[in-house]
N, C-alpha and C. Protein backbone atom coordinates (compact mmCIF):
# COMPACT_ATOMS: atom_id res chain seq x y z
N UNK A 1 0.86 -1.19 0.00
CA UNK A 1 0.00 0.00 0.00
C UNK A 1 0.89 1.23 0.00
N UNK A 2 0.52 2.20 -0.80
CA UNK A 2 1.35 3.39 -0.92
C UNK A 2 1.23 4.25 0.32
N UNK A 3 2.38 4.79 0.72
CA UNK A 3 2.37 5.72 1.84
C UNK A 3 1.78 7.03 1.38
N UNK A 4 1.25 7.77 2.32
CA UNK A 4 0.68 9.07 1.97
C UNK A 4 1.29 10.16 2.83
N UNK A 5 1.48 11.29 2.25
CA UNK A 5 1.90 12.49 2.99
C UNK A 5 0.87 13.55 2.68
N UNK A 6 0.14 13.96 3.69
CA UNK A 6 -0.96 14.87 3.44
C UNK A 6 -1.96 14.18 2.53
N UNK A 7 -2.29 14.79 1.40
CA UNK A 7 -3.22 14.19 0.46
C UNK A 7 -2.49 13.60 -0.74
N UNK A 8 -1.13 13.60 -0.73
CA UNK A 8 -0.36 13.11 -1.86
C UNK A 8 0.06 11.67 -1.63
N UNK A 9 -0.22 10.78 -2.57
CA UNK A 9 0.18 9.38 -2.46
C UNK A 9 1.60 9.22 -2.96
N UNK A 10 2.42 8.48 -2.20
CA UNK A 10 3.79 8.17 -2.61
C UNK A 10 3.80 6.72 -3.04
N UNK A 11 3.63 6.46 -4.32
CA UNK A 11 3.45 5.10 -4.80
C UNK A 11 4.74 4.42 -5.18
N UNK A 12 5.85 5.10 -5.07
CA UNK A 12 7.10 4.51 -5.51
C UNK A 12 7.37 4.75 -6.98
N UNK A 13 6.38 5.29 -7.72
CA UNK A 13 6.58 5.63 -9.12
C UNK A 13 7.33 6.96 -9.21
N UNK A 14 8.09 7.17 -10.30
CA UNK A 14 8.78 8.46 -10.46
C UNK A 14 7.78 9.61 -10.45
N UNK A 15 8.13 10.62 -9.74
CA UNK A 15 7.23 11.78 -9.66
C UNK A 15 7.19 12.48 -11.01
N UNK A 16 6.01 12.90 -11.40
CA UNK A 16 5.89 13.66 -12.65
C UNK A 16 6.46 15.06 -12.44
N UNK A 17 6.97 15.62 -13.52
CA UNK A 17 7.58 16.95 -13.41
C UNK A 17 6.54 17.98 -13.00
N UNK A 18 6.94 18.84 -12.13
CA UNK A 18 6.05 19.91 -11.67
C UNK A 18 6.51 21.21 -12.28
N UNK A 19 5.60 21.87 -12.97
CA UNK A 19 5.94 23.16 -13.58
C UNK A 19 5.99 24.22 -12.49
N UNK A 20 7.13 24.87 -12.34
CA UNK A 20 7.20 25.91 -11.30
C UNK A 20 6.28 27.07 -11.64
N UNK A 21 5.72 27.70 -10.64
CA UNK A 21 4.82 28.83 -10.92
C UNK A 21 5.58 29.97 -11.59
N UNK A 22 4.94 30.57 -12.59
CA UNK A 22 5.57 31.70 -13.28
C UNK A 22 5.22 33.00 -12.58
N UNK A 23 6.17 33.90 -12.61
CA UNK A 23 5.89 35.23 -12.08
C UNK A 23 4.84 35.89 -12.97
N UNK A 24 3.77 36.40 -12.40
CA UNK A 24 2.76 37.04 -13.25
C UNK A 24 3.33 38.29 -13.91
N UNK A 25 2.94 38.49 -15.16
CA UNK A 25 3.39 39.70 -15.85
C UNK A 25 2.72 40.90 -15.21
N UNK A 26 3.46 41.98 -15.13
CA UNK A 26 2.89 43.20 -14.56
C UNK A 26 1.90 43.77 -15.57
N UNK A 27 0.70 43.95 -15.16
CA UNK A 27 -0.32 44.49 -16.05
C UNK A 27 0.01 45.93 -16.41
N UNK A 28 -0.18 46.30 -17.68
CA UNK A 28 -0.01 47.71 -18.04
C UNK A 28 -0.94 48.61 -17.23
N UNK A 29 -2.03 48.01 -16.72
CA UNK A 29 -2.97 48.81 -15.95
C UNK A 29 -2.42 49.17 -14.57
N UNK A 30 -1.27 48.59 -14.22
CA UNK A 30 -0.66 48.89 -12.93
C UNK A 30 0.20 50.15 -12.99
N UNK A 31 0.37 50.70 -14.19
CA UNK A 31 1.20 51.91 -14.31
C UNK A 31 0.52 53.06 -13.57
N UNK A 32 1.34 53.98 -13.04
CA UNK A 32 0.76 55.11 -12.31
C UNK A 32 -0.23 55.87 -13.18
N UNK A 33 -1.34 56.24 -12.62
CA UNK A 33 -2.44 57.03 -13.17
C UNK A 33 -3.30 56.28 -14.19
N UNK A 34 -2.78 55.23 -14.80
CA UNK A 34 -3.55 54.57 -15.84
C UNK A 34 -4.82 53.90 -15.32
N UNK A 35 -4.80 53.25 -14.15
CA UNK A 35 -6.05 52.63 -13.69
C UNK A 35 -7.21 53.60 -13.59
N UNK A 36 -6.96 54.80 -13.09
CA UNK A 36 -8.03 55.78 -12.97
C UNK A 36 -8.56 56.17 -14.34
N UNK A 37 -7.66 56.36 -15.30
CA UNK A 37 -8.09 56.67 -16.66
C UNK A 37 -8.96 55.56 -17.23
N UNK A 38 -8.56 54.34 -17.00
CA UNK A 38 -9.33 53.21 -17.51
C UNK A 38 -10.72 53.19 -16.87
N UNK A 39 -10.77 53.41 -15.57
CA UNK A 39 -12.06 53.44 -14.88
C UNK A 39 -12.95 54.54 -15.46
N UNK A 40 -12.35 55.71 -15.70
CA UNK A 40 -13.12 56.83 -16.25
C UNK A 40 -13.61 56.51 -17.66
N UNK A 41 -12.76 55.85 -18.44
CA UNK A 41 -13.14 55.49 -19.81
C UNK A 41 -14.27 54.47 -19.82
N UNK A 42 -14.20 53.48 -18.94
CA UNK A 42 -15.26 52.48 -18.85
C UNK A 42 -16.58 53.15 -18.43
N UNK A 43 -16.49 54.09 -17.51
CA UNK A 43 -17.70 54.83 -17.10
C UNK A 43 -18.26 55.62 -18.28
N UNK A 44 -17.36 56.20 -19.09
CA UNK A 44 -17.80 56.94 -20.28
C UNK A 44 -18.44 56.02 -21.30
N UNK A 45 -17.90 54.80 -21.44
CA UNK A 45 -18.51 53.81 -22.33
C UNK A 45 -19.94 53.52 -21.89
N UNK A 46 -20.14 53.41 -20.60
CA UNK A 46 -21.49 53.15 -20.09
C UNK A 46 -22.41 54.35 -20.31
N UNK A 47 -21.88 55.54 -20.06
CA UNK A 47 -22.70 56.76 -20.20
C UNK A 47 -23.12 56.98 -21.65
N UNK A 48 -22.21 56.74 -22.57
CA UNK A 48 -22.45 57.09 -23.97
C UNK A 48 -22.59 55.86 -24.86
N UNK A 49 -22.96 54.74 -24.26
CA UNK A 49 -23.04 53.48 -24.99
C UNK A 49 -23.94 53.53 -26.20
N UNK A 50 -24.97 54.37 -26.17
CA UNK A 50 -25.89 54.45 -27.31
C UNK A 50 -25.21 54.97 -28.56
N UNK A 51 -24.10 55.72 -28.39
CA UNK A 51 -23.40 56.32 -29.53
C UNK A 51 -22.21 55.48 -30.00
N UNK A 52 -21.70 54.62 -29.13
CA UNK A 52 -20.42 53.95 -29.40
C UNK A 52 -20.68 52.51 -29.85
N UNK A 53 -20.42 52.24 -31.12
CA UNK A 53 -20.72 50.92 -31.69
C UNK A 53 -19.70 49.87 -31.29
N UNK A 54 -18.43 50.27 -31.20
CA UNK A 54 -17.35 49.31 -30.94
C UNK A 54 -16.75 49.62 -29.57
N UNK A 55 -16.83 48.65 -28.67
CA UNK A 55 -16.45 48.89 -27.28
C UNK A 55 -15.21 48.11 -26.84
N UNK A 56 -14.56 47.42 -27.80
CA UNK A 56 -13.42 46.59 -27.41
C UNK A 56 -12.14 47.40 -27.23
N UNK A 57 -11.86 48.30 -28.16
CA UNK A 57 -10.67 49.15 -28.07
C UNK A 57 -11.08 50.60 -27.85
N UNK A 58 -10.38 51.27 -26.95
CA UNK A 58 -10.61 52.71 -26.74
C UNK A 58 -9.27 53.43 -26.77
N UNK A 59 -9.31 54.69 -27.12
CA UNK A 59 -8.12 55.53 -27.07
C UNK A 59 -8.14 56.37 -25.81
N UNK A 60 -7.07 56.32 -25.03
CA UNK A 60 -6.96 57.09 -23.79
C UNK A 60 -5.83 58.09 -23.89
N UNK A 61 -6.10 59.33 -23.52
CA UNK A 61 -5.07 60.37 -23.52
C UNK A 61 -4.87 60.85 -22.09
N UNK A 62 -3.66 60.70 -21.60
CA UNK A 62 -3.32 61.12 -20.23
C UNK A 62 -2.64 62.48 -20.30
N UNK A 63 -3.43 63.54 -20.25
CA UNK A 63 -2.90 64.89 -20.32
C UNK A 63 -2.25 65.32 -19.01
N UNK A 64 -2.18 64.44 -18.04
CA UNK A 64 -1.43 64.72 -16.83
C UNK A 64 0.07 64.50 -17.01
N UNK A 65 0.44 63.92 -18.14
CA UNK A 65 1.85 63.67 -18.44
C UNK A 65 2.39 64.72 -19.41
N UNK A 66 3.70 64.86 -19.43
CA UNK A 66 4.34 65.81 -20.34
C UNK A 66 4.24 65.32 -21.77
N UNK A 67 4.31 66.23 -22.72
CA UNK A 67 4.15 65.86 -24.13
C UNK A 67 5.30 65.01 -24.64
N UNK A 68 6.43 65.00 -23.92
CA UNK A 68 7.56 64.17 -24.35
C UNK A 68 7.33 62.69 -24.07
N UNK A 69 6.28 62.37 -23.30
CA UNK A 69 5.99 61.00 -22.93
C UNK A 69 4.92 60.40 -23.85
N UNK A 70 4.96 59.07 -23.99
CA UNK A 70 3.92 58.39 -24.77
C UNK A 70 2.67 58.33 -23.90
N UNK A 71 1.81 59.29 -24.07
CA UNK A 71 0.66 59.45 -23.18
C UNK A 71 -0.67 59.12 -23.85
N UNK A 72 -0.64 58.66 -25.10
CA UNK A 72 -1.85 58.17 -25.76
C UNK A 72 -1.77 56.65 -25.80
N UNK A 73 -2.78 55.99 -25.23
CA UNK A 73 -2.78 54.54 -25.14
C UNK A 73 -4.01 53.97 -25.83
N UNK A 74 -3.81 53.00 -26.70
CA UNK A 74 -4.92 52.22 -27.23
C UNK A 74 -5.09 51.03 -26.29
N UNK A 75 -6.24 50.95 -25.66
CA UNK A 75 -6.47 49.96 -24.60
C UNK A 75 -7.51 48.94 -25.04
N UNK A 76 -7.16 47.68 -24.87
CA UNK A 76 -8.10 46.57 -25.04
C UNK A 76 -8.84 46.43 -23.71
N UNK A 77 -10.03 46.98 -23.65
CA UNK A 77 -10.78 47.00 -22.39
C UNK A 77 -11.17 45.60 -21.96
N UNK A 78 -11.53 44.77 -22.91
CA UNK A 78 -11.96 43.41 -22.58
C UNK A 78 -10.78 42.57 -22.10
N UNK A 79 -9.66 42.65 -22.82
CA UNK A 79 -8.49 41.87 -22.46
C UNK A 79 -7.67 42.46 -21.33
N UNK A 80 -7.94 43.73 -20.99
CA UNK A 80 -7.22 44.36 -19.89
C UNK A 80 -5.77 44.64 -20.19
N UNK A 81 -5.47 45.12 -21.39
CA UNK A 81 -4.08 45.40 -21.73
C UNK A 81 -3.97 46.60 -22.66
N UNK A 82 -2.81 47.21 -22.65
CA UNK A 82 -2.51 48.31 -23.56
C UNK A 82 -1.99 47.71 -24.86
N UNK A 83 -2.63 48.04 -25.96
CA UNK A 83 -2.26 47.51 -27.27
C UNK A 83 -1.08 48.28 -27.84
N UNK A 84 -1.10 49.60 -27.72
CA UNK A 84 0.00 50.43 -28.20
C UNK A 84 -0.03 51.78 -27.49
N UNK A 85 1.12 52.44 -27.46
CA UNK A 85 1.24 53.76 -26.81
C UNK A 85 2.00 54.69 -27.74
N UNK A 86 1.61 55.97 -27.76
CA UNK A 86 2.15 56.90 -28.74
C UNK A 86 2.28 58.30 -28.15
N UNK A 87 3.13 59.09 -28.77
CA UNK A 87 3.18 60.52 -28.49
C UNK A 87 1.93 61.17 -29.08
N UNK A 88 1.43 62.19 -28.39
CA UNK A 88 0.29 62.95 -28.92
C UNK A 88 0.41 64.40 -28.43
N UNK A 89 0.03 65.32 -29.29
CA UNK A 89 0.15 66.74 -28.95
C UNK A 89 -1.04 67.21 -28.10
N UNK A 90 -0.86 68.38 -27.51
CA UNK A 90 -1.99 69.13 -26.97
C UNK A 90 -2.02 70.50 -27.64
N UNK A 91 -3.08 71.25 -27.40
CA UNK A 91 -3.26 72.54 -28.06
C UNK A 91 -2.37 73.63 -27.48
N UNK A 92 -1.98 74.57 -28.33
CA UNK A 92 -1.15 75.69 -27.87
C UNK A 92 -1.87 76.54 -26.83
N UNK A 93 -3.19 76.61 -26.94
CA UNK A 93 -3.95 77.37 -25.95
C UNK A 93 -4.01 76.71 -24.59
N UNK A 94 -3.66 75.43 -24.54
CA UNK A 94 -3.60 74.72 -23.26
C UNK A 94 -2.24 74.84 -22.61
N UNK A 95 -1.28 75.37 -23.35
CA UNK A 95 0.12 75.46 -22.88
C UNK A 95 0.75 76.72 -23.47
N UNK A 96 0.27 77.89 -23.06
CA UNK A 96 0.74 79.14 -23.67
C UNK A 96 2.25 79.35 -23.58
N UNK A 97 2.88 78.85 -22.53
CA UNK A 97 4.32 79.04 -22.35
C UNK A 97 5.14 78.00 -23.10
N UNK A 98 4.47 77.07 -23.78
CA UNK A 98 5.15 76.00 -24.53
C UNK A 98 6.09 75.21 -23.61
N UNK A 99 5.55 74.83 -22.46
CA UNK A 99 6.33 74.10 -21.46
C UNK A 99 6.33 72.60 -21.70
N UNK A 100 5.39 72.13 -22.52
CA UNK A 100 5.23 70.70 -22.72
C UNK A 100 4.20 70.08 -21.79
N UNK A 101 3.56 70.91 -20.97
CA UNK A 101 2.55 70.44 -20.01
C UNK A 101 1.22 71.16 -20.25
N UNK A 102 0.13 70.43 -20.14
CA UNK A 102 -1.20 71.04 -20.23
C UNK A 102 -1.48 71.84 -18.97
N UNK A 103 -1.77 73.11 -19.16
CA UNK A 103 -2.09 74.00 -18.04
C UNK A 103 -3.60 74.24 -17.89
N UNK A 104 -4.31 74.21 -19.00
CA UNK A 104 -5.74 74.52 -18.97
C UNK A 104 -6.43 73.86 -20.15
N UNK A 105 -7.75 73.73 -20.04
CA UNK A 105 -8.57 73.23 -21.14
C UNK A 105 -9.56 74.31 -21.56
N UNK A 106 -10.06 74.21 -22.78
CA UNK A 106 -11.11 75.11 -23.22
C UNK A 106 -11.89 74.45 -24.35
N UNK A 107 -13.17 74.77 -24.41
CA UNK A 107 -14.05 74.32 -25.48
C UNK A 107 -14.43 75.48 -26.39
N UNK A 108 -13.80 76.64 -26.19
CA UNK A 108 -14.18 77.86 -26.90
C UNK A 108 -13.57 77.92 -28.30
N UNK A 109 -14.32 78.49 -29.23
CA UNK A 109 -13.81 78.73 -30.57
C UNK A 109 -12.65 79.72 -30.50
N UNK A 110 -11.60 79.44 -31.23
CA UNK A 110 -10.45 80.32 -31.27
C UNK A 110 -9.49 80.17 -30.11
N UNK A 111 -9.79 79.25 -29.18
CA UNK A 111 -8.91 79.09 -28.02
C UNK A 111 -7.65 78.30 -28.35
N UNK A 112 -7.68 77.50 -29.41
CA UNK A 112 -6.56 76.61 -29.77
C UNK A 112 -6.17 75.68 -28.62
N UNK A 113 -7.12 75.42 -27.75
CA UNK A 113 -6.85 74.59 -26.57
C UNK A 113 -7.40 73.18 -26.74
N UNK A 114 -6.84 72.26 -25.99
CA UNK A 114 -7.38 70.91 -25.92
C UNK A 114 -8.62 70.91 -25.03
N UNK A 115 -9.48 69.94 -25.28
CA UNK A 115 -10.69 69.76 -24.46
C UNK A 115 -10.70 68.34 -23.90
N UNK A 116 -11.09 68.19 -22.65
CA UNK A 116 -11.13 66.85 -22.03
C UNK A 116 -12.46 66.15 -22.30
N UNK A 117 -12.53 64.90 -21.88
CA UNK A 117 -13.79 64.19 -21.92
C UNK A 117 -13.87 63.12 -22.99
N UNK A 118 -15.09 62.65 -23.21
CA UNK A 118 -15.36 61.54 -24.12
C UNK A 118 -15.68 62.06 -25.52
N UNK A 119 -15.05 61.43 -26.51
CA UNK A 119 -15.31 61.74 -27.92
C UNK A 119 -15.74 60.47 -28.63
N UNK A 120 -16.61 60.62 -29.60
CA UNK A 120 -16.93 59.54 -30.53
C UNK A 120 -16.07 59.73 -31.76
N UNK A 121 -15.36 58.69 -32.18
CA UNK A 121 -14.53 58.79 -33.38
C UNK A 121 -15.41 58.72 -34.62
N UNK A 122 -15.18 59.66 -35.53
CA UNK A 122 -15.98 59.75 -36.75
C UNK A 122 -15.26 59.20 -37.96
N UNK A 123 -15.68 59.65 -39.11
CA UNK A 123 -15.15 59.14 -40.38
C UNK A 123 -13.75 59.68 -40.66
N UNK A 124 -13.02 58.95 -41.47
CA UNK A 124 -11.73 59.45 -41.96
C UNK A 124 -11.99 60.36 -43.15
N UNK A 125 -11.05 61.26 -43.37
CA UNK A 125 -11.13 62.16 -44.52
C UNK A 125 -9.72 62.57 -44.90
N UNK A 126 -9.57 63.12 -46.06
CA UNK A 126 -8.27 63.59 -46.53
C UNK A 126 -8.21 65.10 -46.33
N UNK A 127 -7.35 65.55 -45.43
CA UNK A 127 -7.25 66.97 -45.13
C UNK A 127 -5.86 67.52 -45.40
N UNK A 128 -5.59 68.70 -44.89
CA UNK A 128 -4.29 69.33 -45.13
C UNK A 128 -3.15 68.58 -44.45
N UNK A 129 -3.49 67.74 -43.47
CA UNK A 129 -2.47 66.92 -42.81
C UNK A 129 -2.52 65.47 -43.30
N UNK A 130 -3.16 65.22 -44.44
CA UNK A 130 -3.29 63.85 -44.95
C UNK A 130 -4.51 63.17 -44.33
N UNK A 131 -4.44 61.85 -44.24
CA UNK A 131 -5.56 61.10 -43.68
C UNK A 131 -5.78 61.48 -42.23
N UNK A 132 -7.01 61.81 -41.91
CA UNK A 132 -7.37 62.30 -40.58
C UNK A 132 -8.70 61.68 -40.17
N UNK A 133 -9.04 61.84 -38.90
CA UNK A 133 -10.31 61.31 -38.41
C UNK A 133 -11.06 62.38 -37.63
N UNK A 134 -12.33 62.54 -37.98
CA UNK A 134 -13.16 63.52 -37.27
C UNK A 134 -13.51 63.01 -35.87
N UNK A 135 -13.78 63.95 -34.97
CA UNK A 135 -14.17 63.62 -33.60
C UNK A 135 -15.43 64.39 -33.22
N UNK A 136 -16.34 63.70 -32.55
CA UNK A 136 -17.57 64.33 -32.07
C UNK A 136 -17.53 64.35 -30.55
N UNK A 137 -17.55 65.53 -29.98
CA UNK A 137 -17.54 65.65 -28.52
C UNK A 137 -18.87 65.20 -27.93
N UNK A 138 -18.82 64.41 -26.88
CA UNK A 138 -20.04 63.85 -26.27
C UNK A 138 -20.39 64.50 -24.95
N UNK A 139 -19.58 65.46 -24.50
CA UNK A 139 -19.80 66.06 -23.20
C UNK A 139 -19.73 67.58 -23.29
N UNK A 140 -20.19 68.24 -22.26
CA UNK A 140 -20.22 69.70 -22.26
C UNK A 140 -18.82 70.28 -22.45
N UNK A 141 -17.81 69.61 -21.90
CA UNK A 141 -16.44 70.12 -21.95
C UNK A 141 -15.83 70.06 -23.35
N UNK A 142 -16.43 69.26 -24.26
CA UNK A 142 -15.87 69.16 -25.61
C UNK A 142 -16.94 69.18 -26.70
N UNK A 143 -18.10 69.73 -26.36
CA UNK A 143 -19.26 69.68 -27.25
C UNK A 143 -19.05 70.40 -28.58
N UNK A 144 -18.09 71.31 -28.63
CA UNK A 144 -17.85 72.07 -29.87
C UNK A 144 -16.75 71.46 -30.74
N UNK A 145 -16.32 70.25 -30.41
CA UNK A 145 -15.17 69.65 -31.11
C UNK A 145 -15.38 69.57 -32.61
N UNK A 146 -16.54 69.11 -33.05
CA UNK A 146 -16.78 68.95 -34.49
C UNK A 146 -16.75 70.31 -35.19
N UNK A 147 -17.41 71.28 -34.60
CA UNK A 147 -17.45 72.62 -35.21
C UNK A 147 -16.10 73.31 -35.15
N UNK A 148 -15.32 73.03 -34.12
CA UNK A 148 -13.97 73.62 -34.00
C UNK A 148 -12.96 72.92 -34.90
N UNK A 149 -13.32 71.79 -35.46
CA UNK A 149 -12.39 71.05 -36.32
C UNK A 149 -11.34 70.30 -35.51
N UNK A 150 -11.71 69.84 -34.31
CA UNK A 150 -10.79 69.05 -33.49
C UNK A 150 -10.79 67.62 -34.03
N UNK A 151 -9.66 67.17 -34.53
CA UNK A 151 -9.58 65.87 -35.21
C UNK A 151 -8.30 65.14 -34.79
N UNK A 152 -8.19 63.91 -35.28
CA UNK A 152 -6.95 63.14 -35.19
C UNK A 152 -6.21 63.33 -36.51
N UNK A 153 -4.95 63.75 -36.45
CA UNK A 153 -4.16 63.90 -37.69
C UNK A 153 -2.68 63.73 -37.39
N UNK A 154 -1.91 63.60 -38.43
CA UNK A 154 -0.45 63.51 -38.29
C UNK A 154 0.16 64.91 -38.39
N UNK A 155 1.35 65.07 -37.81
CA UNK A 155 2.04 66.36 -37.88
C UNK A 155 3.54 66.15 -37.76
N UNK A 156 4.29 66.94 -38.51
CA UNK A 156 5.75 66.84 -38.46
C UNK A 156 6.32 67.30 -37.13
N UNK A 157 5.54 68.07 -36.36
CA UNK A 157 6.04 68.56 -35.07
C UNK A 157 5.86 67.55 -33.94
N UNK A 158 5.43 66.35 -34.27
CA UNK A 158 5.34 65.27 -33.29
C UNK A 158 6.31 64.17 -33.70
N UNK A 159 7.35 63.97 -32.91
CA UNK A 159 8.33 62.92 -33.23
C UNK A 159 9.12 62.56 -31.97
N UNK A 160 9.62 61.33 -31.97
CA UNK A 160 10.43 60.88 -30.84
C UNK A 160 11.73 61.67 -30.76
N UNK A 161 12.29 62.04 -31.90
CA UNK A 161 13.52 62.84 -31.90
C UNK A 161 13.30 64.18 -31.23
N UNK A 162 12.19 64.83 -31.55
CA UNK A 162 11.89 66.13 -30.95
C UNK A 162 11.67 65.99 -29.43
N UNK A 163 10.96 64.93 -29.06
CA UNK A 163 10.71 64.71 -27.63
C UNK A 163 12.02 64.53 -26.87
N UNK A 164 12.98 63.87 -27.51
CA UNK A 164 14.25 63.60 -26.86
C UNK A 164 15.15 64.83 -26.83
N UNK A 165 15.24 65.53 -27.95
CA UNK A 165 16.19 66.64 -28.03
C UNK A 165 15.66 67.92 -27.39
N UNK A 166 14.35 68.15 -27.48
CA UNK A 166 13.78 69.40 -26.96
C UNK A 166 13.05 69.22 -25.64
N UNK A 167 12.82 67.97 -25.24
CA UNK A 167 12.10 67.72 -24.00
C UNK A 167 10.61 67.92 -24.11
N UNK A 168 10.12 68.11 -25.31
CA UNK A 168 8.68 68.28 -25.57
C UNK A 168 8.47 68.12 -27.07
N UNK A 169 7.21 67.94 -27.46
CA UNK A 169 6.87 67.95 -28.87
C UNK A 169 6.11 69.24 -29.17
N UNK A 170 5.79 69.46 -30.43
CA UNK A 170 5.07 70.68 -30.80
C UNK A 170 3.61 70.65 -30.36
N UNK A 171 2.99 71.81 -30.50
CA UNK A 171 1.59 71.96 -30.09
C UNK A 171 0.69 72.08 -31.31
N UNK A 172 -0.56 71.64 -31.14
CA UNK A 172 -1.55 71.75 -32.20
C UNK A 172 -2.45 72.95 -31.94
N UNK A 173 -3.54 73.03 -32.70
CA UNK A 173 -4.55 74.05 -32.43
C UNK A 173 -5.73 73.44 -31.67
N UNK A 174 -5.42 72.40 -30.92
CA UNK A 174 -6.44 71.71 -30.14
C UNK A 174 -6.67 70.29 -30.59
N UNK A 175 -6.09 69.94 -31.75
CA UNK A 175 -6.25 68.59 -32.28
C UNK A 175 -5.35 67.59 -31.57
N UNK A 176 -5.66 66.32 -31.77
CA UNK A 176 -4.82 65.22 -31.29
C UNK A 176 -3.88 64.86 -32.44
N UNK A 177 -2.69 65.43 -32.44
CA UNK A 177 -1.74 65.23 -33.53
C UNK A 177 -0.73 64.16 -33.14
N UNK A 178 -0.43 63.29 -34.10
CA UNK A 178 0.47 62.15 -33.89
C UNK A 178 1.63 62.21 -34.87
N UNK A 179 2.66 61.43 -34.59
CA UNK A 179 3.79 61.33 -35.51
C UNK A 179 3.33 60.74 -36.84
N UNK A 180 3.98 61.19 -37.92
CA UNK A 180 3.64 60.65 -39.24
C UNK A 180 3.77 59.13 -39.27
N UNK A 181 4.76 58.61 -38.55
CA UNK A 181 5.00 57.17 -38.55
C UNK A 181 3.91 56.39 -37.81
N UNK A 182 3.13 57.07 -36.97
CA UNK A 182 2.12 56.40 -36.14
C UNK A 182 0.70 56.52 -36.66
N UNK A 183 0.45 57.45 -37.58
CA UNK A 183 -0.94 57.80 -37.90
C UNK A 183 -1.72 56.63 -38.48
N UNK A 184 -1.11 55.82 -39.33
CA UNK A 184 -1.85 54.69 -39.92
C UNK A 184 -2.30 53.71 -38.84
N UNK A 185 -1.42 53.44 -37.89
CA UNK A 185 -1.75 52.55 -36.77
C UNK A 185 -2.90 53.13 -35.95
N UNK A 186 -2.83 54.41 -35.66
CA UNK A 186 -3.87 55.07 -34.86
C UNK A 186 -5.21 55.02 -35.57
N UNK A 187 -5.22 55.36 -36.85
CA UNK A 187 -6.48 55.39 -37.60
C UNK A 187 -7.10 54.00 -37.71
N UNK A 188 -6.26 52.98 -37.76
CA UNK A 188 -6.76 51.61 -37.83
C UNK A 188 -7.30 51.15 -36.49
N UNK A 189 -6.53 51.38 -35.43
CA UNK A 189 -6.94 50.88 -34.11
C UNK A 189 -8.08 51.69 -33.51
N UNK A 190 -8.02 53.00 -33.65
CA UNK A 190 -9.09 53.86 -33.13
C UNK A 190 -9.97 54.23 -34.32
N UNK A 191 -10.68 53.24 -34.82
CA UNK A 191 -11.47 53.39 -36.03
C UNK A 191 -12.81 54.07 -35.71
N UNK A 192 -13.60 54.27 -36.74
CA UNK A 192 -14.89 54.96 -36.59
C UNK A 192 -15.80 54.20 -35.64
N UNK A 193 -16.51 54.96 -34.79
CA UNK A 193 -17.47 54.38 -33.88
C UNK A 193 -16.91 53.92 -32.56
N UNK A 194 -15.74 54.45 -32.20
CA UNK A 194 -15.10 54.07 -30.92
C UNK A 194 -15.04 55.27 -29.98
N UNK A 195 -14.59 55.00 -28.78
CA UNK A 195 -14.43 56.04 -27.76
C UNK A 195 -12.98 56.52 -27.73
N UNK A 196 -12.81 57.82 -27.72
CA UNK A 196 -11.53 58.44 -27.37
C UNK A 196 -11.82 59.24 -26.11
N UNK A 197 -11.01 59.00 -25.07
CA UNK A 197 -11.24 59.65 -23.79
C UNK A 197 -9.98 60.38 -23.35
N UNK A 198 -10.11 61.67 -23.05
CA UNK A 198 -8.98 62.49 -22.63
C UNK A 198 -9.23 63.06 -21.24
N UNK A 199 -8.20 63.02 -20.40
CA UNK A 199 -8.33 63.54 -19.03
C UNK A 199 -6.95 63.93 -18.53
N UNK A 200 -6.95 64.68 -17.45
CA UNK A 200 -5.71 65.10 -16.79
C UNK A 200 -5.78 64.70 -15.32
């Protein structure tokens, strides 16, 4: 009869190999400030669900970070992971001193400022910056986005080289401007009918 230790039988047969436990990967959601952004974005998905057709991927902009940092995240909400992260500009009216940090928001015409809150991503179009995507503001803080021409577009003043050498990237007129090398990825991942959420 086989001896037992606890609930394990010792039958005299060679023990099968035991796979050692793996260290769990650190979730991208564990990064500072990102969990709160994700919570806010999920709440926005619930609030504006009637407008948002695709709820799997969302674009998150952390305007609490400097422009030299990759502060735009495409997040797989269902899978709980960040798909990609990119540099993104803020408006000159949000950073009058060109410090690289958002100081204020505005929804006013002519302010050239960024606006926070939930946006519905609209159709792509060919504009002066090439392929771009329209944005529809869903909240009081960004309700004038479509009329102000706040869109997703590429710009030469957004680049990793500029972020490294100058400590900041250039400013837009309130649009979410990305590096030329990133725009195709952004337009594909943050396609029409999704949520873009910006906060500080």
